[in-house]
Amino acid sequence: MKKIDIPESMCDELQRLASEKKIFLEGNILKVIESKESESFEDYISEAKKNDEENRRKRLEVTRTVQDQNKKLTKSKEENESLMSELKEALSLAEEAKAAAENDLDIIQKKSQFELIGNIVNYALYIIAGIGVVTTALYVVAIFLNSEETTLIGSTWSNLFGILLTNSFSIIGTIMGVKYATDGKKDKE
């Protein structure tokens, strides 16, 4: 490689910059310049090469540190993305479980309501039938005993059956109305 000879004035100026401001030449230029006239410039070149090597070493360390940090950041990013994916999947499963639980609860509530309504209707019908049987038995007893009050008892018996029949339909209608209104509210939600 051919060397470049630098004039002495330029050598002096470069040496002045180095001593006053600590500014040296760097890079491949140091491999090709020389000054045949100045031994102090050779010392300058030697010191500039040492500084250049030190600066390159520091830059290499910084580059390696940055690369290591980038690797760690990339790994952390991948871990975060994996965790986010798992979190989204867990959230989806939780929402599905919530929907299933709400559906099961709704079924249980409807079953409980249906059983409750059935029990109320059955008890109401048992009471109505019981009163009807008791009243009919009293009327039959009055007829067999040739009681003078059979007309009054017959009229009472007829009125009582009308009331019982009306009340039984009223109870059933009220229960069905409440059930219909409750189902209507759930459908709107």
N, C-alpha and C. Protein backbone atom coordinates (compact mmCIF):
# COMPACT_ATOMS: atom_id res chain seq x y z
N MET A 1 0.85 -1.17 0.00
CA MET A 1 0.00 0.00 0.00
C MET A 1 0.89 1.23 0.00
N LYS A 2 0.57 2.15 -0.87
CA LYS A 2 1.37 3.37 -1.02
C LYS A 2 1.05 4.33 0.11
N LYS A 3 2.10 4.90 0.70
CA LYS A 3 1.94 5.85 1.80
C LYS A 3 1.81 7.27 1.24
N ILE A 4 1.09 8.09 1.97
CA ILE A 4 0.90 9.49 1.58
C ILE A 4 1.78 10.35 2.48
N ASP A 5 2.61 11.19 1.86
CA ASP A 5 3.49 12.06 2.63
C ASP A 5 2.75 13.36 2.92
N ILE A 6 2.68 13.75 4.18
CA ILE A 6 1.97 14.95 4.61
C ILE A 6 2.99 16.06 4.82
N PRO A 7 2.69 17.27 4.37
CA PRO A 7 3.62 18.38 4.60
C PRO A 7 3.79 18.68 6.09
N GLU A 8 4.91 19.25 6.43
CA GLU A 8 5.24 19.50 7.83
C GLU A 8 4.25 20.46 8.49
N SER A 9 3.76 21.45 7.77
CA SER A 9 2.79 22.40 8.35
C SER A 9 1.50 21.67 8.74
N MET A 10 1.10 20.73 7.93
CA MET A 10 -0.10 19.96 8.24
C MET A 10 0.15 19.06 9.44
N CYS A 11 1.34 18.51 9.52
CA CYS A 11 1.71 17.67 10.66
C CYS A 11 1.67 18.48 11.94
N ASP A 12 2.22 19.69 11.88
CA ASP A 12 2.23 20.55 13.06
C ASP A 12 0.80 20.89 13.50
N GLU A 13 -0.05 21.16 12.53
CA GLU A 13 -1.45 21.52 12.84
C GLU A 13 -2.19 20.33 13.49
N LEU A 14 -1.98 19.14 12.97
CA LEU A 14 -2.61 17.94 13.55
C LEU A 14 -2.10 17.70 14.97
N GLN A 15 -0.80 17.91 15.20
CA GLN A 15 -0.24 17.73 16.54
C GLN A 15 -0.77 18.78 17.51
N ARG A 16 -0.96 20.02 17.03
CA ARG A 16 -1.52 21.08 17.87
C ARG A 16 -2.96 20.72 18.29
N LEU A 17 -3.79 20.23 17.34
CA LEU A 17 -5.16 19.82 17.66
C LEU A 17 -5.17 18.71 18.71
N ALA A 18 -4.22 17.79 18.59
CA ALA A 18 -4.15 16.68 19.54
C ALA A 18 -3.78 17.16 20.93
N SER A 19 -2.81 18.07 21.03
CA SER A 19 -2.38 18.52 22.35
C SER A 19 -3.39 19.48 22.99
N GLU A 20 -4.02 20.35 22.21
CA GLU A 20 -4.95 21.34 22.77
C GLU A 20 -6.36 20.79 22.98
N LYS A 21 -6.84 20.03 22.03
CA LYS A 21 -8.26 19.63 22.08
C LYS A 21 -8.47 18.12 22.12
N LYS A 22 -7.39 17.38 22.17
CA LYS A 22 -7.46 15.92 22.21
C LYS A 22 -8.19 15.34 21.01
N ILE A 23 -7.98 15.94 19.85
CA ILE A 23 -8.59 15.49 18.61
C ILE A 23 -7.50 14.82 17.77
N PHE A 24 -7.72 13.56 17.42
CA PHE A 24 -6.78 12.78 16.63
C PHE A 24 -7.46 12.30 15.36
N LEU A 25 -6.62 11.99 14.37
CA LEU A 25 -7.13 11.31 13.18
C LEU A 25 -7.57 9.91 13.58
N GLU A 26 -8.58 9.36 12.85
CA GLU A 26 -9.06 8.01 13.14
C GLU A 26 -9.26 7.25 11.85
N GLY A 27 -9.30 5.94 11.97
CA GLY A 27 -9.68 5.10 10.86
C GLY A 27 -8.52 4.69 9.98
N ASN A 28 -8.86 4.30 8.74
CA ASN A 28 -7.89 3.74 7.79
C ASN A 28 -6.89 4.77 7.29
N ILE A 29 -7.18 6.04 7.42
CA ILE A 29 -6.24 7.08 6.97
C ILE A 29 -4.91 6.95 7.69
N LEU A 30 -4.95 6.46 8.95
CA LEU A 30 -3.73 6.31 9.74
C LEU A 30 -2.78 5.29 9.12
N LYS A 31 -3.29 4.37 8.33
CA LYS A 31 -2.46 3.34 7.72
C LYS A 31 -1.67 3.86 6.52
N VAL A 32 -2.12 4.98 5.94
CA VAL A 32 -1.51 5.42 4.70
C VAL A 32 -0.76 6.75 4.80
N ILE A 33 -0.80 7.44 5.93
CA ILE A 33 -0.09 8.73 6.00
C ILE A 33 1.23 8.57 6.74
N GLU A 34 2.17 9.43 6.36
CA GLU A 34 3.46 9.48 7.03
C GLU A 34 4.12 10.83 6.79
N SER A 35 5.09 11.11 7.61
CA SER A 35 5.89 12.32 7.40
C SER A 35 7.35 11.93 7.60
N LYS A 36 8.06 12.04 6.55
CA LYS A 36 9.47 11.63 6.58
C LYS A 36 10.31 12.67 7.32
N GLU A 37 9.80 13.84 7.47
CA GLU A 37 10.59 14.93 8.02
C GLU A 37 10.45 15.05 9.53
N SER A 38 9.43 14.46 10.15
CA SER A 38 9.17 14.72 11.56
C SER A 38 9.04 13.42 12.34
N GLU A 39 9.91 13.27 13.32
CA GLU A 39 9.84 12.10 14.19
C GLU A 39 8.70 12.26 15.19
N SER A 40 8.40 13.49 15.59
CA SER A 40 7.29 13.74 16.53
C SER A 40 5.96 13.40 15.88
N PHE A 41 5.87 13.56 14.55
CA PHE A 41 4.61 13.20 13.88
C PHE A 41 4.42 11.69 13.88
N GLU A 42 5.50 10.93 13.85
CA GLU A 42 5.40 9.47 13.95
C GLU A 42 4.85 9.09 15.33
N ASP A 43 5.27 9.83 16.37
CA ASP A 43 4.73 9.60 17.71
C ASP A 43 3.23 9.93 17.72
N TYR A 44 2.87 11.04 17.03
CA TYR A 44 1.45 11.42 16.91
C TYR A 44 0.66 10.29 16.25
N ILE A 45 1.17 9.74 15.14
CA ILE A 45 0.49 8.67 14.41
C ILE A 45 0.34 7.45 15.32
N SER A 46 1.40 7.12 16.05
CA SER A 46 1.37 5.97 16.96
C SER A 46 0.29 6.17 18.04
N GLU A 47 0.26 7.37 18.61
CA GLU A 47 -0.76 7.67 19.64
C GLU A 47 -2.16 7.69 19.03
N ALA A 48 -2.29 8.21 17.82
CA ALA A 48 -3.59 8.24 17.14
C ALA A 48 -4.08 6.81 16.88
N LYS A 49 -3.14 5.91 16.50
CA LYS A 49 -3.52 4.51 16.28
C LYS A 49 -4.00 3.86 17.58
N LYS A 50 -3.29 4.16 18.68
CA LYS A 50 -3.70 3.62 19.99
C LYS A 50 -5.11 4.13 20.35
N ASN A 51 -5.31 5.44 20.17
CA ASN A 51 -6.63 6.03 20.45
C ASN A 51 -7.71 5.40 19.56
N ASP A 52 -7.35 5.21 18.29
CA ASP A 52 -8.30 4.63 17.35
C ASP A 52 -8.68 3.21 17.77
N GLU A 53 -7.67 2.41 18.18
CA GLU A 53 -7.95 1.05 18.65
C GLU A 53 -8.83 1.08 19.89
N GLU A 54 -8.53 1.98 20.81
CA GLU A 54 -9.32 2.08 22.04
C GLU A 54 -10.76 2.50 21.72
N ASN A 55 -10.90 3.48 20.84
CA ASN A 55 -12.25 3.92 20.45
C ASN A 55 -13.03 2.81 19.75
N ARG A 56 -12.33 2.06 18.88
CA ARG A 56 -12.99 0.93 18.21
C ARG A 56 -13.42 -0.13 19.22
N ARG A 57 -12.52 -0.41 20.18
CA ARG A 57 -12.84 -1.39 21.22
C ARG A 57 -14.07 -0.93 22.02
N LYS A 58 -14.10 0.35 22.40
CA LYS A 58 -15.25 0.89 23.15
C LYS A 58 -16.53 0.81 22.33
N ARG A 59 -16.42 1.19 21.04
CA ARG A 59 -17.61 1.12 20.18
C ARG A 59 -18.09 -0.32 20.04
N LEU A 60 -17.13 -1.26 19.94
CA LEU A 60 -17.49 -2.67 19.83
C LEU A 60 -18.20 -3.15 21.10
N GLU A 61 -17.68 -2.72 22.26
CA GLU A 61 -18.34 -3.08 23.53
C GLU A 61 -19.75 -2.50 23.59
N VAL A 62 -19.89 -1.24 23.19
CA VAL A 62 -21.22 -0.61 23.19
C VAL A 62 -22.14 -1.36 22.23
N THR A 63 -21.61 -1.71 21.05
CA THR A 63 -22.42 -2.44 20.07
C THR A 63 -22.86 -3.79 20.64
N ARG A 64 -21.92 -4.50 21.28
CA ARG A 64 -22.27 -5.79 21.88
C ARG A 64 -23.31 -5.62 22.99
N THR A 65 -23.11 -4.60 23.81
CA THR A 65 -24.08 -4.33 24.89
C THR A 65 -25.46 -4.05 24.31
N VAL A 66 -25.50 -3.22 23.28
CA VAL A 66 -26.78 -2.89 22.65
C VAL A 66 -27.40 -4.14 22.03
N GLN A 67 -26.57 -4.97 21.38
CA GLN A 67 -27.08 -6.20 20.78
C GLN A 67 -27.64 -7.13 21.85
N ASP A 68 -26.91 -7.25 22.98
CA ASP A 68 -27.40 -8.09 24.09
C ASP A 68 -28.72 -7.55 24.63
N GLN A 69 -28.79 -6.23 24.78
CA GLN A 69 -30.04 -5.61 25.26
C GLN A 69 -31.17 -5.84 24.26
N ASN A 70 -30.85 -5.73 22.97
CA ASN A 70 -31.87 -5.97 21.94
C ASN A 70 -32.36 -7.41 21.99
N LYS A 71 -31.41 -8.36 22.21
CA LYS A 71 -31.82 -9.77 22.33
C LYS A 71 -32.75 -9.95 23.52
N LYS A 72 -32.38 -9.33 24.65
CA LYS A 72 -33.23 -9.43 25.85
C LYS A 72 -34.59 -8.81 25.60
N LEU A 73 -34.60 -7.65 24.96
CA LEU A 73 -35.87 -6.98 24.67
C LEU A 73 -36.73 -7.81 23.72
N THR A 74 -36.07 -8.40 22.72
CA THR A 74 -36.81 -9.25 21.78
C THR A 74 -37.40 -10.46 22.50
N LYS A 75 -36.59 -11.06 23.37
CA LYS A 75 -37.07 -12.21 24.14
C LYS A 75 -38.22 -11.79 25.06
N SER A 76 -38.08 -10.64 25.71
CA SER A 76 -39.15 -10.14 26.59
C SER A 76 -40.42 -9.86 25.80
N LYS A 77 -40.24 -9.30 24.60
CA LYS A 77 -41.39 -9.02 23.75
C LYS A 77 -42.11 -10.32 23.38
N GLU A 78 -41.33 -11.34 23.02
CA GLU A 78 -41.93 -12.63 22.67
C GLU A 78 -42.65 -13.23 23.87
N GLU A 79 -42.04 -13.12 25.06
CA GLU A 79 -42.69 -13.63 26.27
C GLU A 79 -43.98 -12.87 26.56
N ASN A 80 -43.93 -11.54 26.40
CA ASN A 80 -45.13 -10.72 26.61
C ASN A 80 -46.23 -11.10 25.63
N GLU A 81 -45.86 -11.29 24.36
CA GLU A 81 -46.86 -11.68 23.36
C GLU A 81 -47.45 -13.04 23.70
N SER A 82 -46.60 -13.96 24.15
CA SER A 82 -47.09 -15.28 24.55
C SER A 82 -48.05 -15.17 25.74
N LEU A 83 -47.65 -14.36 26.72
CA LEU A 83 -48.53 -14.16 27.89
C LEU A 83 -49.84 -13.50 27.50
N MET A 84 -49.77 -12.53 26.60
CA MET A 84 -51.00 -11.87 26.14
C MET A 84 -51.91 -12.87 25.43
N SER A 85 -51.31 -13.73 24.63
CA SER A 85 -52.08 -14.75 23.92
C SER A 85 -52.75 -15.69 24.92
N GLU A 86 -51.98 -16.12 25.92
CA GLU A 86 -52.55 -16.99 26.96
C GLU A 86 -53.64 -16.27 27.74
N LEU A 87 -53.42 -14.99 28.02
CA LEU A 87 -54.41 -14.21 28.75
C LEU A 87 -55.70 -14.07 27.95
N LYS A 88 -55.57 -13.81 26.64
CA LYS A 88 -56.75 -13.70 25.79
C LYS A 88 -57.50 -15.03 25.75
N GLU A 89 -56.75 -16.13 25.67
CA GLU A 89 -57.39 -17.45 25.64
C GLU A 89 -58.10 -17.73 26.97
N ALA A 90 -57.44 -17.37 28.07
CA ALA A 90 -58.05 -17.57 29.39
C ALA A 90 -59.30 -16.71 29.55
N LEU A 91 -59.24 -15.48 29.04
CA LEU A 91 -60.40 -14.60 29.10
C LEU A 91 -61.55 -15.17 28.28
N SER A 92 -61.23 -15.70 27.12
CA SER A 92 -62.25 -16.31 26.27
C SER A 92 -62.89 -17.50 26.97
N LEU A 93 -62.04 -18.33 27.59
CA LEU A 93 -62.57 -19.49 28.33
C LEU A 93 -63.43 -19.04 29.51
N ALA A 94 -63.00 -17.98 30.18
CA ALA A 94 -63.78 -17.46 31.32
C ALA A 94 -65.14 -16.94 30.86
N GLU A 95 -65.15 -16.26 29.70
CA GLU A 95 -66.43 -15.77 29.18
C GLU A 95 -67.34 -16.92 28.79
N GLU A 96 -66.76 -17.98 28.21
CA GLU A 96 -67.56 -19.16 27.87
C GLU A 96 -68.10 -19.82 29.13
N ALA A 97 -67.26 -19.92 30.17
CA ALA A 97 -67.69 -20.52 31.43
C ALA A 97 -68.79 -19.67 32.07
N LYS A 98 -68.65 -18.35 31.99
CA LYS A 98 -69.67 -17.46 32.54
C LYS A 98 -71.00 -17.66 31.82
N ALA A 99 -70.94 -17.74 30.48
CA ALA A 99 -72.17 -17.94 29.70
C ALA A 99 -72.81 -19.28 30.06
N ALA A 100 -71.97 -20.33 30.21
CA ALA A 100 -72.50 -21.65 30.57
C ALA A 100 -73.13 -21.62 31.96
N ALA A 101 -72.46 -20.93 32.90
CA ALA A 101 -72.99 -20.83 34.26
C ALA A 101 -74.31 -20.07 34.28
N GLU A 102 -74.37 -18.96 33.51
CA GLU A 102 -75.62 -18.20 33.44
C GLU A 102 -76.74 -19.05 32.82
N ASN A 103 -76.40 -19.82 31.80
CA ASN A 103 -77.39 -20.69 31.17
C ASN A 103 -77.88 -21.75 32.16
N ASP A 104 -76.92 -22.37 32.90
CA ASP A 104 -77.30 -23.37 33.90
C ASP A 104 -78.16 -22.75 35.00
N LEU A 105 -77.79 -21.55 35.43
CA LEU A 105 -78.57 -20.86 36.46
C LEU A 105 -79.98 -20.57 35.96
N ASP A 106 -80.08 -20.13 34.71
CA ASP A 106 -81.39 -19.85 34.13
C ASP A 106 -82.25 -21.10 34.08
N ILE A 107 -81.63 -22.22 33.70
CA ILE A 107 -82.37 -23.49 33.65
C ILE A 107 -82.83 -23.90 35.04
N ILE A 108 -81.93 -23.76 36.02
CA ILE A 108 -82.28 -24.11 37.40
C ILE A 108 -83.40 -23.21 37.91
N GLN A 109 -83.33 -21.91 37.61
CA GLN A 109 -84.38 -20.99 38.05
C GLN A 109 -85.72 -21.36 37.40
N LYS A 110 -85.69 -21.64 36.11
CA LYS A 110 -86.94 -22.01 35.44
C LYS A 110 -87.50 -23.30 36.00
N LYS A 111 -86.62 -24.26 36.28
CA LYS A 111 -87.07 -25.53 36.86
C LYS A 111 -87.68 -25.28 38.24
N SER A 112 -87.00 -24.45 39.04
CA SER A 112 -87.52 -24.14 40.38
C SER A 112 -88.86 -23.41 40.29
N GLN A 113 -88.95 -22.45 39.37
CA GLN A 113 -90.22 -21.74 39.18
C GLN A 113 -91.32 -22.70 38.74
N PHE A 114 -90.99 -23.59 37.81
CA PHE A 114 -91.98 -24.53 37.31
C PHE A 114 -92.46 -25.45 38.44
N GLU A 115 -91.51 -25.93 39.26
CA GLU A 115 -91.88 -26.78 40.39
C GLU A 115 -92.72 -26.01 41.40
N LEU A 116 -92.33 -24.77 41.67
CA LEU A 116 -93.08 -23.94 42.62
C LEU A 116 -94.49 -23.69 42.11
N ILE A 117 -94.61 -23.34 40.84
CA ILE A 117 -95.93 -23.10 40.25
C ILE A 117 -96.76 -24.38 40.31
N GLY A 118 -96.14 -25.50 39.99
CA GLY A 118 -96.86 -26.78 40.05
C GLY A 118 -97.35 -27.08 41.46
N ASN A 119 -96.49 -26.82 42.44
CA ASN A 119 -96.89 -27.06 43.84
C ASN A 119 -98.03 -26.15 44.25
N ILE A 120 -97.94 -24.86 43.88
CA ILE A 120 -99.01 -23.91 44.24
C ILE A 120 -100.32 -24.34 43.60
N VAL A 121 -100.28 -24.67 42.32
CA VAL A 121 -101.50 -25.09 41.62
C VAL A 121 -102.06 -26.36 42.25
N ASN A 122 -101.19 -27.33 42.54
CA ASN A 122 -101.66 -28.59 43.15
C ASN A 122 -102.32 -28.34 44.51
N TYR A 123 -101.63 -27.55 45.36
CA TYR A 123 -102.21 -27.27 46.69
C TYR A 123 -103.53 -26.51 46.57
N ALA A 124 -103.57 -25.56 45.65
CA ALA A 124 -104.81 -24.81 45.47
C ALA A 124 -105.93 -25.74 45.02
N LEU A 125 -105.62 -26.64 44.09
CA LEU A 125 -106.65 -27.58 43.62
C LEU A 125 -107.06 -28.57 44.71
N TYR A 126 -106.08 -29.02 45.54
CA TYR A 126 -106.42 -29.91 46.67
C TYR A 126 -107.36 -29.22 47.65
N ILE A 127 -107.05 -27.96 47.94
CA ILE A 127 -107.90 -27.20 48.87
C ILE A 127 -109.29 -27.02 48.27
N ILE A 128 -109.35 -26.63 47.02
CA ILE A 128 -110.64 -26.41 46.35
C ILE A 128 -111.43 -27.72 46.30
N ALA A 129 -110.74 -28.80 45.93
CA ALA A 129 -111.42 -30.10 45.86
C ALA A 129 -111.87 -30.54 47.25
N GLY A 130 -111.01 -30.30 48.26
CA GLY A 130 -111.37 -30.68 49.63
C GLY A 130 -112.60 -29.93 50.11
N ILE A 131 -112.63 -28.64 49.86
CA ILE A 131 -113.80 -27.84 50.27
C ILE A 131 -115.03 -28.32 49.50
N GLY A 132 -114.84 -28.59 48.21
CA GLY A 132 -115.97 -29.09 47.41
C GLY A 132 -116.50 -30.42 47.93
N VAL A 133 -115.61 -31.34 48.30
CA VAL A 133 -116.02 -32.65 48.83
C VAL A 133 -116.73 -32.47 50.15
N VAL A 134 -116.14 -31.64 51.03
CA VAL A 134 -116.77 -31.43 52.34
C VAL A 134 -118.16 -30.80 52.17
N THR A 135 -118.26 -29.81 51.33
CA THR A 135 -119.55 -29.14 51.13
C THR A 135 -120.55 -30.09 50.50
N THR A 136 -120.11 -30.88 49.54
CA THR A 136 -121.01 -31.85 48.90
C THR A 136 -121.47 -32.89 49.91
N ALA A 137 -120.55 -33.33 50.75
CA ALA A 137 -120.91 -34.32 51.78
C ALA A 137 -121.96 -33.73 52.72
N LEU A 138 -121.80 -32.47 53.11
CA LEU A 138 -122.79 -31.83 53.99
C LEU A 138 -124.15 -31.75 53.29
N TYR A 139 -124.13 -31.43 52.00
CA TYR A 139 -125.38 -31.31 51.24
C TYR A 139 -126.05 -32.68 51.12
N VAL A 140 -125.25 -33.71 50.85
CA VAL A 140 -125.81 -35.08 50.73
C VAL A 140 -126.37 -35.52 52.07
N VAL A 141 -125.68 -35.24 53.16
CA VAL A 141 -126.15 -35.61 54.49
C VAL A 141 -127.47 -34.89 54.78
N ALA A 142 -127.53 -33.62 54.39
CA ALA A 142 -128.76 -32.85 54.65
C ALA A 142 -129.92 -33.43 53.85
N ILE A 143 -129.66 -33.89 52.63
CA ILE A 143 -130.73 -34.48 51.80
C ILE A 143 -131.19 -35.80 52.42
N PHE A 144 -130.26 -36.65 52.84
CA PHE A 144 -130.65 -37.95 53.41
C PHE A 144 -131.34 -37.81 54.75
N LEU A 145 -131.04 -36.76 55.46
CA LEU A 145 -131.69 -36.57 56.75
C LEU A 145 -132.99 -35.81 56.62
N ASN A 146 -133.37 -35.54 55.41
CA ASN A 146 -134.60 -34.79 55.14
C ASN A 146 -134.65 -33.49 55.92
N SER A 147 -133.55 -32.78 55.86
CA SER A 147 -133.48 -31.51 56.57
C SER A 147 -134.29 -30.47 55.82
N GLU A 148 -134.84 -29.54 56.59
CA GLU A 148 -135.63 -28.47 56.00
C GLU A 148 -134.72 -27.44 55.33
N GLU A 149 -133.47 -27.49 55.60
CA GLU A 149 -132.53 -26.50 55.10
C GLU A 149 -131.85 -26.93 53.80
N THR A 150 -132.33 -27.94 53.13
CA THR A 150 -131.67 -28.44 51.92
C THR A 150 -131.66 -27.39 50.82
N THR A 151 -132.73 -26.60 50.73
CA THR A 151 -132.76 -25.56 49.71
C THR A 151 -131.67 -24.52 49.99
N LEU A 152 -131.56 -24.11 51.22
CA LEU A 152 -130.54 -23.14 51.61
C LEU A 152 -129.14 -23.74 51.42
N ILE A 153 -128.98 -24.98 51.83
CA ILE A 153 -127.67 -25.64 51.68
C ILE A 153 -127.36 -25.83 50.20
N GLY A 154 -128.35 -26.18 49.37
CA GLY A 154 -128.14 -26.36 47.93
C GLY A 154 -127.71 -25.06 47.28
N SER A 155 -128.36 -23.97 47.67
CA SER A 155 -128.00 -22.67 47.13
C SER A 155 -126.58 -22.29 47.57
N THR A 156 -126.26 -22.52 48.81
CA THR A 156 -124.93 -22.23 49.34
C THR A 156 -123.88 -23.11 48.63
N TRP A 157 -124.26 -24.38 48.46
CA TRP A 157 -123.35 -25.33 47.79
C TRP A 157 -123.06 -24.85 46.36
N SER A 158 -124.09 -24.42 45.65
CA SER A 158 -123.93 -23.93 44.28
C SER A 158 -123.07 -22.67 44.25
N ASN A 159 -123.32 -21.75 45.17
CA ASN A 159 -122.52 -20.51 45.24
C ASN A 159 -121.06 -20.82 45.59
N LEU A 160 -120.87 -21.72 46.52
CA LEU A 160 -119.53 -22.08 46.95
C LEU A 160 -118.74 -22.70 45.80
N PHE A 161 -119.38 -23.58 45.02
CA PHE A 161 -118.68 -24.16 43.87
C PHE A 161 -118.33 -23.11 42.83
N GLY A 162 -119.21 -22.15 42.63
CA GLY A 162 -118.92 -21.05 41.69
C GLY A 162 -117.73 -20.23 42.16
N ILE A 163 -117.71 -19.95 43.46
CA ILE A 163 -116.59 -19.18 44.03
C ILE A 163 -115.30 -19.98 43.93
N LEU A 164 -115.36 -21.27 44.29
CA LEU A 164 -114.16 -22.10 44.22
C LEU A 164 -113.63 -22.20 42.79
N LEU A 165 -114.55 -22.39 41.83
CA LEU A 165 -114.14 -22.47 40.43
C LEU A 165 -113.52 -21.15 39.97
N THR A 166 -114.14 -20.04 40.32
CA THR A 166 -113.61 -18.72 39.95
C THR A 166 -112.23 -18.50 40.59
N ASN A 167 -112.10 -18.84 41.87
CA ASN A 167 -110.81 -18.67 42.56
C ASN A 167 -109.72 -19.57 41.97
N SER A 168 -110.08 -20.78 41.60
CA SER A 168 -109.06 -21.66 41.02
C SER A 168 -108.54 -21.11 39.70
N PHE A 169 -109.44 -20.61 38.86
CA PHE A 169 -108.99 -20.01 37.60
C PHE A 169 -108.21 -18.71 37.86
N SER A 170 -108.61 -17.98 38.87
CA SER A 170 -107.91 -16.74 39.22
C SER A 170 -106.47 -17.03 39.67
N ILE A 171 -106.33 -18.05 40.50
CA ILE A 171 -105.00 -18.43 40.98
C ILE A 171 -104.13 -18.87 39.81
N ILE A 172 -104.67 -19.74 38.98
CA ILE A 172 -103.90 -20.24 37.83
C ILE A 172 -103.57 -19.10 36.87
N GLY A 173 -104.53 -18.21 36.63
CA GLY A 173 -104.29 -17.06 35.75
C GLY A 173 -103.23 -16.13 36.30
N THR A 174 -103.26 -15.88 37.60
CA THR A 174 -102.26 -15.00 38.22
C THR A 174 -100.87 -15.61 38.11
N ILE A 175 -100.76 -16.88 38.41
CA ILE A 175 -99.46 -17.56 38.33
C ILE A 175 -98.93 -17.54 36.90
N MET A 176 -99.80 -17.83 35.93
CA MET A 176 -99.35 -17.83 34.54
C MET A 176 -98.98 -16.41 34.09
N GLY A 177 -99.71 -15.41 34.56
CA GLY A 177 -99.38 -14.02 34.22
C GLY A 177 -98.03 -13.60 34.77
N VAL A 178 -97.75 -13.97 36.01
CA VAL A 178 -96.46 -13.66 36.62
C VAL A 178 -95.34 -14.37 35.86
N LYS A 179 -95.56 -15.64 35.53
CA LYS A 179 -94.55 -16.39 34.77
C LYS A 179 -94.32 -15.74 33.41
N TYR A 180 -95.36 -15.35 32.72
CA TYR A 180 -95.24 -14.72 31.40
C TYR A 180 -94.49 -13.40 31.52
N ALA A 181 -94.82 -12.61 32.53
CA ALA A 181 -94.15 -11.31 32.72
C ALA A 181 -92.67 -11.51 33.04
N THR A 182 -92.35 -12.50 33.87
CA THR A 182 -90.96 -12.78 34.22
C THR A 182 -90.18 -13.23 32.99
N ASP A 183 -90.76 -14.11 32.19
CA ASP A 183 -90.09 -14.57 30.96
C ASP A 183 -89.90 -13.41 29.99
N GLY A 184 -90.88 -12.51 29.90
CA GLY A 184 -90.79 -11.34 29.00
C GLY A 184 -89.63 -10.43 29.39
N LYS A 185 -89.41 -10.24 30.68
CA LYS A 185 -88.31 -9.38 31.13
C LYS A 185 -86.96 -10.01 30.79
N LYS A 186 -86.84 -11.31 30.96
CA LYS A 186 -85.58 -11.98 30.67
C LYS A 186 -85.27 -11.94 29.17
N ASP A 187 -86.29 -12.05 28.34
CA ASP A 187 -86.09 -12.00 26.89
C ASP A 187 -85.59 -10.63 26.45
N LYS A 188 -86.07 -9.57 27.10
CA LYS A 188 -85.65 -8.21 26.74
C LYS A 188 -84.21 -7.94 27.15
N GLU A 189 -83.75 -8.57 28.22
CA GLU A 189 -82.38 -8.36 28.70
C GLU A 189 -81.45 -9.06 27.76
